[in-house]
Protein backbone atom coordinates (compact mmCIF):
# COMPACT_ATOMS: atom_id res chain seq x y z
CA MET A 1 18.08 -18.16 50.69
CA THR A 2 19.98 -15.66 48.67
CA THR A 3 18.51 -14.76 45.31
CA ASP A 4 20.13 -13.02 42.25
CA GLN A 5 19.30 -9.46 41.43
CA PRO A 6 18.99 -8.28 37.80
CA HIS A 7 22.43 -7.69 36.19
CA SER A 8 23.68 -6.56 32.79
CA LYS A 9 25.23 -9.06 30.65
CA ARG A 10 28.55 -7.97 31.67
CA GLU A 11 27.78 -8.14 35.30
CA SER A 12 26.46 -11.59 34.77
CA GLY A 13 29.69 -12.68 33.09
CA ASP A 14 33.24 -11.11 33.74
CA ASP A 15 32.35 -8.98 36.54
CA ARG A 16 30.55 -11.73 38.36
CA ARG A 17 33.64 -13.91 38.06
CA LEU A 18 35.78 -11.17 39.33
CA ALA A 19 33.38 -10.79 42.41
CA ILE A 20 33.39 -14.54 42.97
CA ALA A 21 37.39 -14.63 42.88
CA ALA A 22 37.40 -11.53 45.38
CA ALA A 23 35.03 -13.22 47.75
CA ALA A 24 37.15 -16.43 47.62
CA ARG A 25 40.20 -14.45 48.30
CA ALA A 26 38.76 -12.81 51.17
CA ILE A 27 37.58 -15.83 52.83
CA ILE A 28 41.09 -17.54 52.36
CA LEU A 29 42.59 -14.31 54.07
CA GLU A 30 40.04 -14.98 57.05
CA LYS A 31 39.97 -18.66 57.36
CA GLY A 32 42.67 -20.16 54.92
CA LEU A 33 42.11 -22.55 52.17
CA GLU A 34 40.49 -25.15 54.46
CA GLY A 35 37.72 -22.80 55.44
CA LEU A 36 36.70 -21.89 51.75
CA ARG A 37 32.93 -22.89 51.33
CA THR A 38 30.85 -22.18 48.27
CA ARG A 39 27.89 -21.17 50.34
CA ASP A 40 29.98 -18.44 52.02
CA ILE A 41 31.18 -17.22 48.63
CA ALA A 42 27.60 -17.05 47.17
CA ALA A 43 26.60 -15.15 50.21
CA ARG A 44 29.26 -12.53 49.89
CA VAL A 45 28.51 -12.13 46.20
CA GLY A 46 24.85 -12.10 46.59
CA ILE A 47 24.06 -15.00 44.26
CA ASN A 48 22.64 -18.29 44.84
CA ILE A 49 24.70 -21.70 44.90
CA ALA A 50 23.30 -22.82 41.44
CA THR A 51 24.53 -19.47 39.84
CA LEU A 52 27.91 -19.84 41.58
CA HIS A 53 28.27 -23.38 40.22
CA TYR A 54 27.47 -22.20 36.75
CA HIS A 55 30.72 -20.11 36.85
CA VAL A 56 32.74 -22.31 39.19
CA PRO A 57 31.41 -25.91 38.93
CA SER A 58 34.04 -27.51 40.90
CA LYS A 59 36.95 -26.92 43.43
CA GLU A 60 39.40 -26.99 40.50
CA ALA A 61 37.43 -24.34 38.68
CA LEU A 62 37.16 -22.07 41.90
CA VAL A 63 40.90 -22.38 42.57
CA ALA A 64 41.79 -21.78 39.04
CA LEU A 65 39.64 -18.56 39.04
CA VAL A 66 41.38 -17.20 42.17
CA ALA A 67 44.94 -18.23 40.49
CA GLU A 68 43.72 -16.28 37.33
CA SER A 69 42.87 -13.14 39.45
CA ILE A 70 46.52 -13.34 41.03
CA ARG A 71 47.93 -13.67 37.62
CA TYR A 72 45.90 -10.50 36.47
CA ASP A 73 47.27 -8.59 39.45
CA PHE A 74 50.77 -9.48 38.59
CA ARG A 75 50.12 -8.82 35.05
CA ASP A 76 48.94 -5.23 35.83
CA GLN A 77 51.83 -4.74 38.07
CA ALA A 78 54.40 -5.61 35.15
CA LEU A 79 52.35 -3.43 32.85
CA ARG A 80 53.01 -0.28 35.18
CA HIS A 81 56.81 -0.97 34.95
CA PRO A 82 57.56 -1.73 31.19
CA ARG A 83 60.73 -3.91 30.50
CA ASP A 84 61.20 -3.06 26.86
CA GLY A 85 64.68 -1.80 26.02
CA LYS A 86 66.10 -2.49 29.44
CA THR A 87 69.37 -4.28 30.08
CA ALA A 88 69.28 -7.62 32.06
CA LEU A 89 70.51 -5.88 35.22
CA GLN A 90 67.79 -3.20 34.83
CA LYS A 91 65.04 -5.91 34.46
CA LEU A 92 66.43 -7.58 37.59
CA HIS A 93 66.03 -4.42 39.47
CA LEU A 94 62.57 -4.15 38.23
CA GLU A 95 61.71 -7.71 39.40
CA PHE A 96 63.08 -6.79 42.74
CA ASN A 97 61.18 -3.64 42.87
CA ASP A 98 57.91 -5.39 41.83
CA PHE A 99 58.77 -7.80 44.78
CA ARG A 100 59.28 -4.92 47.21
CA GLU A 101 55.96 -3.40 45.93
CA THR A 102 54.01 -6.65 46.51
CA MET A 103 55.34 -7.27 49.92
CA ARG A 104 54.57 -3.58 50.93
CA ASP A 105 51.23 -2.83 49.05
CA MET A 106 49.64 -6.20 48.38
CA PRO A 107 50.07 -8.18 51.56
CA ASP A 108 46.78 -10.01 51.05
CA LEU A 109 47.94 -11.25 47.65
CA VAL A 110 51.01 -12.69 49.22
CA ILE A 111 48.87 -14.52 51.98
CA VAL A 112 46.53 -16.10 49.45
CA LEU A 113 49.47 -17.07 47.03
CA THR A 114 51.28 -18.60 49.96
CA GLU A 115 48.25 -20.56 51.01
CA LEU A 116 47.73 -22.07 47.69
CA VAL A 117 51.38 -22.96 47.26
CA ALA A 118 51.38 -24.75 50.58
CA ARG A 119 48.20 -26.56 49.76
CA SER A 120 49.62 -27.60 46.24
CA ARG A 121 52.27 -29.70 47.98
CA ARG A 122 49.63 -32.31 49.04
CA ASP A 123 46.93 -31.59 46.65
CA PRO A 124 47.56 -32.54 42.98
CA VAL A 125 44.54 -30.63 41.59
CA ILE A 126 45.88 -27.37 43.03
CA ALA A 127 49.44 -28.28 42.01
CA GLY A 128 48.40 -28.46 38.52
CA ILE A 129 47.15 -24.96 38.79
CA MET A 130 49.93 -23.38 40.74
CA THR A 131 52.96 -25.12 39.27
CA PRO A 132 52.64 -23.36 35.80
CA ILE A 133 52.26 -19.95 37.54
CA TYR A 134 55.43 -20.54 39.48
CA GLU A 135 57.29 -21.97 36.29
CA PHE A 136 56.18 -18.75 34.34
CA TRP A 137 57.69 -16.50 37.15
CA ARG A 138 60.92 -18.68 37.23
CA ASN A 139 61.47 -18.63 33.54
CA GLN A 140 61.19 -14.88 33.54
CA PHE A 141 64.49 -15.05 35.55
CA VAL A 142 65.87 -17.62 33.17
CA ASP A 143 65.37 -15.22 30.30
CA ILE A 144 66.78 -12.13 32.29
CA PHE A 145 69.94 -14.09 33.10
CA ARG A 146 70.28 -15.44 29.49
CA LEU A 147 70.19 -11.89 28.41
CA GLY A 148 72.70 -10.65 31.12
CA ILE A 149 75.32 -13.24 30.10
CA ALA A 150 75.01 -11.93 26.56
CA ASP A 151 74.94 -8.08 27.52
CA GLY A 152 77.53 -8.51 30.23
CA SER A 153 75.21 -7.76 33.21
CA PHE A 154 76.23 -11.18 34.77
CA ARG A 155 79.16 -13.35 34.80
CA ALA A 156 79.83 -15.18 31.45
CA ASP A 157 79.88 -18.57 33.25
CA THR A 158 76.42 -18.04 35.07
CA ASP A 159 74.08 -21.02 34.70
CA ALA A 160 70.96 -19.24 33.78
CA GLU A 161 68.54 -22.02 35.00
CA ALA A 162 70.36 -22.35 38.30
CA ALA A 163 70.55 -18.62 38.87
CA ALA A 164 66.80 -18.51 38.19
CA LEU A 165 66.18 -21.18 40.85
CA ILE A 166 68.25 -19.39 43.52
CA ILE A 167 66.48 -16.16 42.77
CA ALA A 168 62.93 -17.61 42.83
CA GLY A 169 63.72 -19.78 45.84
CA ALA A 170 64.98 -16.91 47.91
CA LEU A 171 62.22 -14.71 47.03
CA SER A 172 59.67 -17.55 47.79
CA ASP A 173 61.23 -18.02 51.24
CA CYS A 174 60.50 -14.35 51.99
CA TRP A 175 56.72 -14.68 50.98
CA ARG A 176 56.37 -17.56 53.52
CA ARG A 177 57.89 -15.46 56.34
CA PRO A 178 55.30 -13.41 58.57
CA ASN A 179 57.65 -10.43 58.55
CA PRO A 180 61.00 -10.54 56.54
CA GLY A 181 61.90 -7.07 57.52
CA SER A 182 62.89 -4.37 55.10
CA PRO A 183 66.71 -4.20 56.07
CA ARG A 184 67.08 -7.93 55.86
CA LEU A 185 65.28 -7.90 52.66
CA GLU A 186 67.37 -5.23 51.02
CA GLN A 187 70.60 -7.21 52.19
CA MET A 188 69.28 -10.29 50.65
CA LEU A 189 68.48 -8.61 47.21
CA ALA A 190 71.88 -6.96 47.14
CA GLU A 191 73.80 -10.19 48.00
CA LEU A 192 71.69 -11.96 45.23
CA GLU A 193 72.74 -9.32 42.68
CA ARG A 194 76.43 -9.52 43.66
CA ALA A 195 76.37 -13.25 43.39
CA PHE A 196 76.20 -12.98 39.51
CA ALA A 197 77.87 -9.76 39.07
CA PRO A 198 80.83 -10.00 36.63
CA TYR A 199 84.17 -10.68 37.72
CA PRO A 200 86.55 -7.67 38.21
CA SER A 201 88.84 -6.90 35.45
CA SER A 202 92.45 -7.39 36.09
CA SER A 203 92.97 -3.67 35.83
CA GLN A 204 90.44 -3.04 38.67
CA GLU A 205 92.00 -5.71 40.77
CA SER A 206 95.26 -4.00 40.48
CA LEU A 207 94.13 -0.71 41.67
């Protein structure tokens, strides 16, 4: 039976929750969400089941903790690439760069996220956790397109909500593919940008 070792107050709180989230993510990578078992998580963290249930008393709490850890990863990524003072087109480029970075440097995160999203389609508990994350991400694109319509980065007749759905849908599809391939990804990102580019002026058309 696994027993707890003495820990500091911080280790028994925030750090332990981080350890639980990391262990859960590792198991999802190895076995999928179906293979996630509390006893396996407890063994990896080095705590007993009672202590694990103190921090995550239910499946919903465990999935929420994993989702929270994913949000922190994306938040830290965004903080490394500030958006303040950027045009809408520059912000879109930063979003695309973050996507490239995630695909290249954080493939484990992509796998875990894809597992959770897939399960959310048939599990209302997980859907209730994952849907707000997706909506927050999609709404970031809505804000970018609204800004771009105002600053001239995108066509004046662009529908910001529809454009955000197109971008988020295309990127989500890449996440679900085992190997989207860099050249194909770059072609897709370039095509997405062209789809909302301002119309050429009449003077440009006459050249």
